[in-house]
Every structure is written in structure tokens, then in C-alpha cells.
């Protein structure tokens, strides 16, 4: 007997349920939108949608575009449609409320009591009764939990590798961003109507050709400046993996680290030999986990590398907690000089994700007026959200 998909009582129909599934996939890192939702609904009309195996294959074809997403899809499908993530006991948080690692299923207790529904992995009325209040939790995948953890808690190699994967997606998305203004092209995606009318004047108003136009490639270049001082030690390892992903995804990206001095590490992070890259980085990072001279480092960048590599198609991304062990008086002037190059300035502060944080540090407070974006960066979810934020700049 084939398993039947259960619909929540509050859903108005298949379209609403599919929209919820797409939102579930987006929360777990898949880049999907309205177009994929409509295509998925259309695909289900060509198969036996009540058969979960056929539905899984159809939706997997629509929603996945690479081997990594295909491997992740089965778990996400089971957790949403097959109750694969519902647990039977109350989940008690052991961390702070801001670090809750569970995702609510969205199914109310009334759904379990309704006729003909129940947990398809355990019959209603059997040993599968939920404990306590009868409401289960939907734990989608380990990735969902990983995205909500503070970066200080990521110590396993596979967790650190996940930061690099997010960076690869972010770098690829920015590399493919296009300009809003369209120009004439031999194979464009739109008809150039103004050019059509102008050329038709020579043929008595009859358009014998249909010129096209398209958006030209005008890639954004990311320049990342990472703080590796003592106060950033717990985050530095993940941030460096994040920068390594950016370097490998986009050949135009640029990376620097600073503590008491500024060091360019672009080529070291691009090295495909991991051991050699680590050795080169160790030589460059003399003073790692020491003091922090934010003002001096930003002033050095504005006077040297900024004049060579920063223009109006550059996003300068600073990863720092804003604590300067030297005098922070020059931070505002240095950022103003960088801003004059026409770039966008982003400051990612891991402390901003903490409850009750206020940018009271002098360096951080003086930097705020010059920033186009000031965001938290204490979880992998924060880093993944940059893709949407940068698209709006």
C-alpha cells in the first residue's frame, strides 16, 4: 500500500502545500522561487501524484540542479512530506533561546486528532503517541541545525567545510549578477523596439529585421578584509574558510586579513594544495590572535590596495567585531577614503547576533555612518543570507 501525502488542515490546497515545501527547501539552502513552484505543480499533473516515489522523482528533477542538492533533497522530502523529521518526545533546548536548533513542523495537534490522518511512520493509537502535549517537532536535517549554531561551536571538519560551500554559492551568485541597463546584442532575450522602429524607416515602415538586446555582464567584485585578532579567534577559522570559498568561486575576488598589520592572502587561499596553502597562510599571518589595529589596517588598505583594486563595481566586506586595541580615531577617515572609490561597504560583526548587543565600541560606532550594510555574522545562516542582501545593493 502506497503512502499518501498528508495535507495540513490550514492549507487551502495543493498550491499552498507546495509553496510551503518550496519555503522548506529555501530554508535549507536551495535557491528556488515562484517559477519553480509553478513548474513543480505542473509536473505533478503528468504523474500519479499520490505515489510518493513518483512525486519524489518529479520534484527532485525540478528542484535540484547539482549533485549536492540532489543528495540533500531526499532528506528534505522525507522530513516535509513523509514525517521523516517528526520526533516523539518533547525537545528541550539546552542552549540559549537564540541558539534553538529545532524547526517547528507547522502541523497543529488538531491534525493528529482529525479523521484519517496521523503519523505515517507509526499508526495512530499505537506506540507512536507523542509525549507531553502531543505536538511534535520537525527536525529537517542536520544542515538546518548547523545553520543556527553559533560559529564558535563549529569545530568538526565537516562543519567548517559547510562554511566554504556557502561561500562558493555566494561567490557564484555575485559573479553572475548582471547590469539593469540593456544594450544591443545579436542574441538577446528581448526585442530592441526602438532600434526596430529606427531601422524600419528605411524600408517604408516594414521591419525586415528584429534587433535584440540583453543585460551585459557587469560582475561585482568582492574584496574581503578579515579581522584575526585575539578577540576574533573563535570565529577566524570559519571566516578564513568562508574567504577561501570566495576566492575559489570568483577569480576576481580579493582577500586580506589584519591584526596589528594588513596582509593580502588572495593567492594563498586560492592554492589548491591545502597543506601548502596552510603553510603560506601561516607565514603571512604572523601576529595571528594578537592585538587589533583596525584604524591603521584600514588606512593602509585605503592608501595601497584600495587605490588599485577598488572601484564602483566592488563590494568591500569587513569581518570584525569592531574592537581596536590601538586608537580608533582613524576608522572614519579611512572608510570615507575607501567610500570615495564608489564601492559598497559591508561590515559583518559576529557580536551583532548576540542578544542585547549595541555598537558601543568607538571603532564600530565611527564606522556606522559610512556603511551600506551592517549585519550579524555569528552563524552559517547569516553568511548564507548575504546572497540576498548583496543582490539589493
Protein backbone atom coordinates (compact mmCIF):
# COMPACT_ATOMS: atom_id res chain seq x y z
CA UNK A 1 0.00 0.00 0.00
CA UNK A 2 1.49 3.28 -1.05
CA UNK A 3 1.88 6.11 1.43
CA UNK A 4 -0.44 9.07 1.00
CA UNK A 5 0.71 12.62 1.43
CA UNK A 6 -0.99 14.39 4.32
CA UNK A 7 -2.17 17.96 3.94
CA UNK A 8 -2.35 20.26 6.93
CA UNK A 9 -5.89 21.38 7.75
CA UNK A 10 -4.97 25.04 7.44
CA UNK A 11 -3.61 24.64 3.88
CA UNK A 12 -6.06 25.77 1.23
CA UNK A 13 -4.94 23.15 -1.29
CA UNK A 14 -2.02 21.65 -3.22
CA UNK A 15 -0.68 25.05 -4.28
CA UNK A 16 -0.37 26.24 -0.69
CA UNK A 17 1.21 22.95 0.33
CA UNK A 18 3.73 23.13 -2.48
CA UNK A 19 4.57 26.73 -1.55
CA UNK A 20 5.28 25.50 1.97
CA UNK A 21 7.59 22.80 0.61
CA UNK A 22 9.49 25.34 -1.50
CA UNK A 23 9.88 27.56 1.57
CA UNK A 24 11.16 24.49 3.45
CA UNK A 25 13.77 23.88 0.71
CA UNK A 26 14.81 27.54 0.65
CA UNK A 27 15.33 27.50 4.43
CA UNK A 28 17.76 24.63 3.89
CA UNK A 29 19.88 26.36 1.26
CA UNK A 30 18.23 25.59 -2.11
CA UNK A 31 17.77 28.61 -4.38
CA UNK A 32 14.17 28.39 -5.57
CA UNK A 33 11.33 30.78 -6.34
CA UNK A 34 7.84 31.18 -7.77
CA UNK A 35 8.84 29.81 -11.17
CA UNK A 36 10.00 26.50 -9.73
CA UNK A 37 6.82 26.24 -7.64
CA UNK A 38 4.60 26.55 -10.71
CA UNK A 39 6.77 24.13 -12.66
CA UNK A 40 6.55 21.57 -9.85
CA UNK A 41 2.74 21.77 -9.73
CA UNK A 42 2.64 21.31 -13.49
CA UNK A 43 4.97 18.29 -13.26
CA UNK A 44 2.69 16.60 -10.73
CA UNK A 45 -0.21 16.72 -13.19
CA UNK A 46 1.70 14.41 -15.54
CA UNK A 47 2.28 11.64 -12.98
CA UNK A 48 0.43 9.81 -10.23
CA UNK A 49 0.96 12.45 -7.56
CA UNK A 50 -0.45 10.18 -4.83
CA UNK A 51 2.53 7.86 -5.33
CA UNK A 52 5.33 9.26 -3.15
CA UNK A 53 8.07 7.59 -5.23
CA UNK A 54 6.86 9.18 -8.47
CA UNK A 55 6.31 12.54 -6.76
CA UNK A 56 9.80 12.43 -5.27
CA UNK A 57 11.44 11.82 -8.64
CA UNK A 58 9.40 14.55 -10.37
CA UNK A 59 10.06 17.17 -7.70
CA UNK A 60 13.73 16.21 -7.47
CA UNK A 61 14.10 16.89 -11.19
CA UNK A 62 12.55 20.34 -10.83
CA UNK A 63 14.12 21.50 -7.56
CA UNK A 64 17.73 20.25 -7.80
CA UNK A 65 20.44 21.45 -10.12
CA UNK A 66 23.61 19.75 -8.88
CA UNK A 67 24.79 16.59 -7.16
CA UNK A 68 24.97 18.28 -3.77
CA UNK A 69 21.35 19.46 -3.92
CA UNK A 70 20.20 16.05 -5.20
CA UNK A 71 21.87 14.33 -2.24
CA UNK A 72 20.22 16.74 0.17
CA UNK A 73 16.77 16.57 -1.43
CA UNK A 74 15.71 13.10 -0.23
CA UNK A 75 16.09 14.03 3.42
CA UNK A 76 14.21 17.28 2.94
CA UNK A 77 11.42 15.49 1.05
CA UNK A 78 11.03 12.88 3.80
CA UNK A 79 11.03 15.47 6.56
CA UNK A 80 8.27 17.54 4.94
CA UNK A 81 6.02 15.02 3.17
CA UNK A 82 6.71 11.74 4.97
CA UNK A 83 7.03 12.95 8.58
CA UNK A 84 10.65 11.86 8.46
CA UNK A 85 11.66 14.61 10.87
CA UNK A 86 8.89 14.25 13.45
CA UNK A 87 10.13 13.09 16.83
CA UNK A 88 8.04 11.57 19.59
CA UNK A 89 9.38 13.32 22.64
CA UNK A 90 9.42 16.91 23.68
CA UNK A 91 12.63 18.63 22.62
CA UNK A 92 14.17 20.57 25.48
CA UNK A 93 16.60 23.29 24.46
CA UNK A 94 19.94 23.06 26.24
CA UNK A 95 21.34 26.26 24.77
CA UNK A 96 20.11 29.84 24.90
CA UNK A 97 16.81 30.67 23.17
CA UNK A 98 18.69 32.41 20.35
CA UNK A 99 20.50 29.13 19.59
CA UNK A 100 17.42 26.90 19.37
CA UNK A 101 18.28 24.22 16.85
CA UNK A 102 14.83 22.84 16.11
CA UNK A 103 12.36 23.90 13.45
CA UNK A 104 8.65 23.68 14.21
CA UNK A 105 6.73 21.43 11.88
CA UNK A 106 3.80 23.80 11.48
CA UNK A 107 1.32 20.95 11.96
CA UNK A 108 -1.10 21.60 14.80
CA UNK A 109 -2.22 19.00 17.33
CA UNK A 110 -5.67 19.08 15.75
CA UNK A 111 -4.21 17.47 12.62
CA UNK A 112 -3.22 14.41 14.63
CA UNK A 113 -6.73 14.13 16.06
CA UNK A 114 -8.50 14.53 12.72
CA UNK A 115 -10.04 11.50 10.98
CA UNK A 116 -7.84 9.55 8.59
CA UNK A 117 -4.64 11.36 9.49
CA UNK A 118 -1.74 10.62 11.78
CA UNK A 119 1.89 9.79 11.75
CA UNK A 120 2.51 7.56 8.76
CA UNK A 121 5.63 6.12 10.37
CA UNK A 122 3.69 4.86 13.41
CA UNK A 123 -0.08 4.09 13.48
CA UNK A 124 -2.35 6.36 15.47
CA UNK A 125 -3.28 4.96 18.82
CA UNK A 126 -0.19 2.73 18.98
CA UNK A 127 3.21 3.21 20.46
CA UNK A 128 3.68 6.28 18.34
CA UNK A 129 1.73 8.62 20.60
CA UNK A 130 3.59 11.84 21.17
CA UNK A 131 4.68 12.56 24.69
CA UNK A 132 3.67 15.52 26.83
CA UNK A 133 1.49 17.99 24.91
CA UNK A 134 1.16 15.84 21.76
CA UNK A 135 2.90 18.35 19.48
CA UNK A 136 5.94 17.07 17.63
CA UNK A 137 8.91 18.91 16.25
CA UNK A 138 10.11 18.77 12.67
CA UNK A 139 13.87 18.42 12.55
CA UNK A 140 14.50 18.89 8.84
CA UNK A 141 18.16 17.92 8.50
CA UNK A 142 21.45 18.28 10.29
CA UNK A 143 22.15 21.20 7.96
CA UNK A 144 19.25 23.18 9.43
CA UNK A 145 20.74 22.75 12.90
CA UNK A 146 24.20 23.64 11.64
CA UNK A 147 22.95 26.89 10.14
CA UNK A 148 21.59 28.02 13.51
CA UNK A 149 24.66 27.24 15.58
CA UNK A 150 26.96 29.99 16.70
CA UNK A 151 30.20 29.76 14.73
CA UNK A 152 32.10 29.35 17.98
CA UNK A 153 30.55 25.89 18.31
CA UNK A 154 31.66 24.65 14.88
CA UNK A 155 34.80 22.59 15.44
CA UNK A 156 34.35 19.46 13.30
CA UNK A 157 35.96 19.41 9.82
CA UNK A 158 32.62 18.80 8.08
CA UNK A 159 31.09 21.80 9.80
CA UNK A 160 33.96 24.04 8.73
CA UNK A 161 33.63 22.71 5.18
CA UNK A 162 29.98 23.82 5.16
CA UNK A 163 31.10 27.44 5.56
CA UNK A 164 33.20 27.08 2.42
CA UNK A 165 30.24 25.63 0.49
CA UNK A 166 28.12 28.64 1.42
CA UNK A 167 30.90 30.93 0.24
CA UNK A 168 31.09 29.09 -3.08
CA UNK A 169 27.38 29.67 -3.69
CA UNK A 170 27.68 33.31 -2.68
CA UNK A 171 30.66 33.92 -4.96
CA UNK A 172 28.97 32.21 -7.90
CA UNK A 173 25.80 34.25 -7.44
CA UNK A 174 27.66 37.54 -7.38
CA UNK A 175 29.78 36.56 -10.36
CA UNK A 176 26.65 36.04 -12.47
CA UNK A 177 24.90 39.24 -11.45
CA UNK A 178 24.04 41.45 -14.41
CA UNK A 179 23.52 45.13 -15.01
CA UNK A 180 19.98 46.51 -15.10
CA UNK A 181 20.55 48.51 -18.29
CA UNK A 182 20.21 46.53 -21.51
CA UNK A 183 22.26 47.01 -24.67
CA UNK A 184 22.08 45.78 -28.26
CA UNK A 185 23.15 42.18 -28.81
CA UNK A 186 23.00 39.67 -31.65
CA UNK A 187 21.33 37.06 -29.44
CA UNK A 188 19.41 38.92 -26.78
CA UNK A 189 16.42 37.89 -24.71
CA UNK A 190 14.30 40.93 -25.67
CA UNK A 191 13.44 42.75 -28.89
CA UNK A 192 15.06 46.18 -29.19
CA UNK A 193 11.87 48.01 -30.22
CA UNK A 194 13.49 51.44 -30.54
CA UNK A 195 16.07 50.07 -32.94
CA UNK A 196 13.36 48.18 -34.85
CA UNK A 197 11.40 51.39 -35.47
CA UNK A 198 14.51 53.32 -36.42
CA UNK A 199 15.65 50.72 -38.96
CA UNK A 200 12.15 50.29 -40.41
CA UNK A 201 12.15 53.91 -41.61
CA UNK A 202 14.48 52.86 -44.44
CA UNK A 203 12.03 50.16 -45.59
CA UNK A 204 8.78 52.12 -45.60
CA UNK A 205 7.87 51.16 -42.05
CA UNK A 206 8.18 47.41 -42.63
CA UNK A 207 10.51 45.78 -40.07
CA UNK A 208 12.64 43.29 -42.03
CA UNK A 209 14.87 42.55 -39.01
CA UNK A 210 14.26 42.25 -35.28
CA UNK A 211 17.30 43.53 -33.38
CA UNK A 212 17.67 42.14 -29.84
CA UNK A 213 19.07 43.45 -26.60
CA UNK A 214 20.20 41.92 -23.32
CA UNK A 215 21.74 42.82 -20.00
CA UNK A 216 25.53 42.86 -20.21
CA UNK A 217 27.75 41.09 -17.74
CA UNK A 218 28.98 43.61 -15.19
CA UNK A 219 30.25 41.41 -12.40
CA UNK A 220 30.63 42.64 -8.87
CA UNK A 221 33.98 42.02 -7.24
CA UNK A 222 34.16 41.17 -3.56
CA UNK A 223 37.07 42.46 -1.50
CA UNK A 224 37.03 40.88 1.96
CA UNK A 225 39.03 42.17 4.92
CA UNK A 226 39.02 39.78 7.89
CA UNK A 227 39.98 40.55 11.48
CA UNK A 228 42.08 37.72 13.02
CA UNK A 229 42.95 39.42 16.31
CA UNK A 230 42.64 37.75 19.72
CA UNK A 231 39.01 38.75 20.22
CA UNK A 232 38.11 37.13 16.87
CA UNK A 233 39.98 33.86 17.40
CA UNK A 234 36.83 31.75 17.87
CA UNK A 235 35.45 32.98 14.53
CA UNK A 236 38.63 33.33 12.46
CA UNK A 237 38.86 29.70 11.37
CA UNK A 238 35.34 29.69 9.88
CA UNK A 239 35.80 33.13 8.31
CA UNK A 240 39.03 32.05 6.61
CA UNK A 241 37.22 29.00 5.18
CA UNK A 242 34.50 31.38 4.03
CA UNK A 243 37.07 33.58 2.29
CA UNK A 244 38.73 30.54 0.72
CA UNK A 245 35.39 29.63 -0.84
CA UNK A 246 35.03 33.13 -2.25
CA UNK A 247 38.50 33.02 -3.77
CA UNK A 248 37.87 29.68 -5.49
CA UNK A 249 34.42 30.60 -6.80
CA UNK A 250 35.32 34.02 -8.20
CA UNK A 251 38.75 34.70 -9.75
CA UNK A 252 38.21 38.44 -9.35
CA UNK A 253 37.64 38.31 -5.58
CA UNK A 254 40.30 39.67 -3.25
CA UNK A 255 41.04 38.84 0.41
CA UNK A 256 43.05 40.39 3.25
CA UNK A 257 43.49 39.71 6.93
CA UNK A 258 44.63 42.09 9.63
CA UNK A 259 45.63 42.13 13.27
CA UNK A 260 48.39 44.61 14.03
CA UNK A 261 49.11 44.89 10.29
CA UNK A 262 47.36 44.26 6.98
CA UNK A 263 48.28 41.21 4.84
CA UNK A 264 47.00 40.22 1.38
CA UNK A 265 46.14 36.48 1.33
CA UNK A 266 44.33 36.13 -2.01
CA UNK A 267 46.84 33.86 -3.71
CA UNK A 268 47.40 31.74 -0.61
CA UNK A 269 43.67 30.99 -0.30
CA UNK A 270 43.43 30.08 -3.99
CA UNK A 271 46.18 27.47 -3.68
CA UNK A 272 44.60 24.04 -4.39
CA UNK A 273 47.19 22.28 -2.26
CA UNK A 274 45.69 22.50 1.24
CA UNK A 275 48.96 21.87 3.12
CA UNK A 276 50.89 24.37 1.03
CA UNK A 277 48.10 26.93 1.42
CA UNK A 278 48.18 26.47 5.19
CA UNK A 279 51.96 26.90 5.26
CA UNK A 280 51.78 30.07 3.16
CA UNK A 281 48.99 31.43 5.33
CA UNK A 282 50.94 30.71 8.50
CA UNK A 283 53.90 32.73 7.22
CA UNK A 284 51.63 35.61 6.23
CA UNK A 285 49.66 35.59 9.47
CA UNK A 286 52.48 36.35 11.90
CA UNK A 287 50.75 38.01 14.82
CA UNK A 288 47.56 35.94 14.44
CA UNK A 289 45.32 36.11 17.56
CA UNK A 290 47.22 39.11 18.88
CA UNK A 291 46.17 42.74 19.12
CA UNK A 292 44.00 44.58 16.61
CA UNK A 293 44.74 47.87 14.85
CA UNK A 294 41.60 48.44 12.80
CA UNK A 295 42.21 52.09 12.00
CA UNK A 296 45.81 51.56 10.89
CA UNK A 297 44.91 48.49 8.80
CA UNK A 298 42.03 50.21 7.01
CA UNK A 299 44.21 53.27 6.41
CA UNK A 300 46.88 51.04 4.86
CA UNK A 301 44.28 49.39 2.64
CA UNK A 302 42.85 52.76 1.52
CA UNK A 303 46.32 54.05 0.66
CA UNK A 304 47.60 50.99 -1.20
CA UNK A 305 45.39 48.12 -2.36
CA UNK A 306 42.21 50.20 -2.32
CA UNK A 307 43.60 52.59 -4.92
CA UNK A 308 44.48 49.69 -7.23
CA UNK A 309 41.60 47.25 -6.86
CA UNK A 310 38.51 49.12 -5.61
CA UNK A 311 36.05 50.80 -7.99
CA UNK A 312 32.31 51.34 -8.34
CA UNK A 313 31.73 47.62 -9.08
CA UNK A 314 33.39 46.48 -5.85
CA UNK A 315 31.85 45.37 -2.57
CA UNK A 316 34.25 45.82 0.34
CA UNK A 317 33.32 43.35 3.08
CA UNK A 318 34.84 43.81 6.54
CA UNK A 319 34.57 40.95 9.05
CA UNK A 320 35.38 42.25 12.51
CA UNK A 321 33.94 42.72 15.99
CA UNK A 322 34.98 46.38 15.96
CA UNK A 323 37.34 46.25 18.96
CA UNK A 324 40.53 48.22 18.31
CA UNK A 325 43.41 47.80 20.76
CA UNK A 326 45.01 50.96 19.38
CA UNK A 327 43.46 54.37 18.79
CA UNK A 328 40.26 54.01 16.66
CA UNK A 329 40.21 57.68 15.66
CA UNK A 330 41.23 56.99 12.06
CA UNK A 331 38.49 54.46 11.25
CA UNK A 332 36.02 57.04 9.99
CA UNK A 333 38.58 58.80 7.77
CA UNK A 334 39.85 55.51 6.30
CA UNK A 335 36.33 54.30 5.44
CA UNK A 336 35.49 57.69 3.92
CA UNK A 337 38.51 57.40 1.62
CA UNK A 338 37.51 53.87 0.60
CA UNK A 339 33.92 55.00 0.04
CA UNK A 340 35.09 57.72 -2.37
CA UNK A 341 36.14 54.98 -4.76
CA UNK A 342 32.42 54.41 -5.41
CA UNK A 343 32.27 50.98 -3.76
CA UNK A 344 29.73 49.47 -1.37
CA UNK A 345 30.80 48.93 2.23
CA UNK A 346 29.56 45.99 4.29
CA UNK A 347 30.52 45.26 7.89
CA UNK A 348 29.84 41.77 9.27
CA UNK A 349 30.06 41.69 13.05
CA UNK A 350 29.65 38.33 14.87
CA UNK A 351 28.74 40.13 18.08
CA UNK A 352 25.68 41.71 16.44
CA UNK A 353 23.94 38.33 16.60
CA UNK A 354 24.16 38.28 20.38
CA UNK A 355 21.18 39.35 22.47
CA UNK A 356 21.45 42.91 23.75
CA UNK A 357 24.43 43.87 21.58
CA UNK A 358 24.95 47.58 20.97
CA UNK A 359 27.75 49.03 18.77
CA UNK A 360 29.32 50.98 21.62
CA UNK A 361 32.95 50.31 20.68
CA UNK A 362 34.45 53.55 19.32
CA UNK A 363 35.74 51.97 16.12
CA UNK A 364 32.37 50.35 15.39
CA UNK A 365 30.38 53.48 16.22
CA UNK A 366 32.53 55.69 13.98
CA UNK A 367 32.21 53.20 11.10
CA UNK A 368 28.39 53.00 11.06
CA UNK A 369 27.72 56.26 9.12
CA UNK A 370 29.82 55.00 6.18
CA UNK A 371 28.30 51.52 5.86
CA UNK A 372 25.79 50.38 3.26
CA UNK A 373 25.07 47.24 5.25
CA UNK A 374 25.70 46.24 8.87
CA UNK A 375 24.80 42.64 9.62
CA UNK A 376 25.45 39.86 12.10
CA UNK A 377 27.78 37.01 11.14
CA UNK A 378 27.80 34.58 14.06
CA UNK A 379 26.04 31.70 12.27
CA UNK A 380 26.27 29.99 8.90
CA UNK A 381 22.73 31.15 8.25
CA UNK A 382 23.92 34.75 8.49
CA UNK A 383 26.62 34.09 5.92
CA UNK A 384 24.15 32.36 3.60
CA UNK A 385 21.73 35.31 3.87
CA UNK A 386 24.39 37.61 2.38
CA UNK A 387 23.49 36.42 -1.09
CA UNK A 388 20.05 38.07 -0.84
CA UNK A 389 21.41 41.17 0.88
CA UNK A 390 24.14 41.79 -1.68
CA UNK A 391 21.67 41.45 -4.57
CA UNK A 392 19.86 44.54 -3.23
CA UNK A 393 22.94 46.78 -3.22
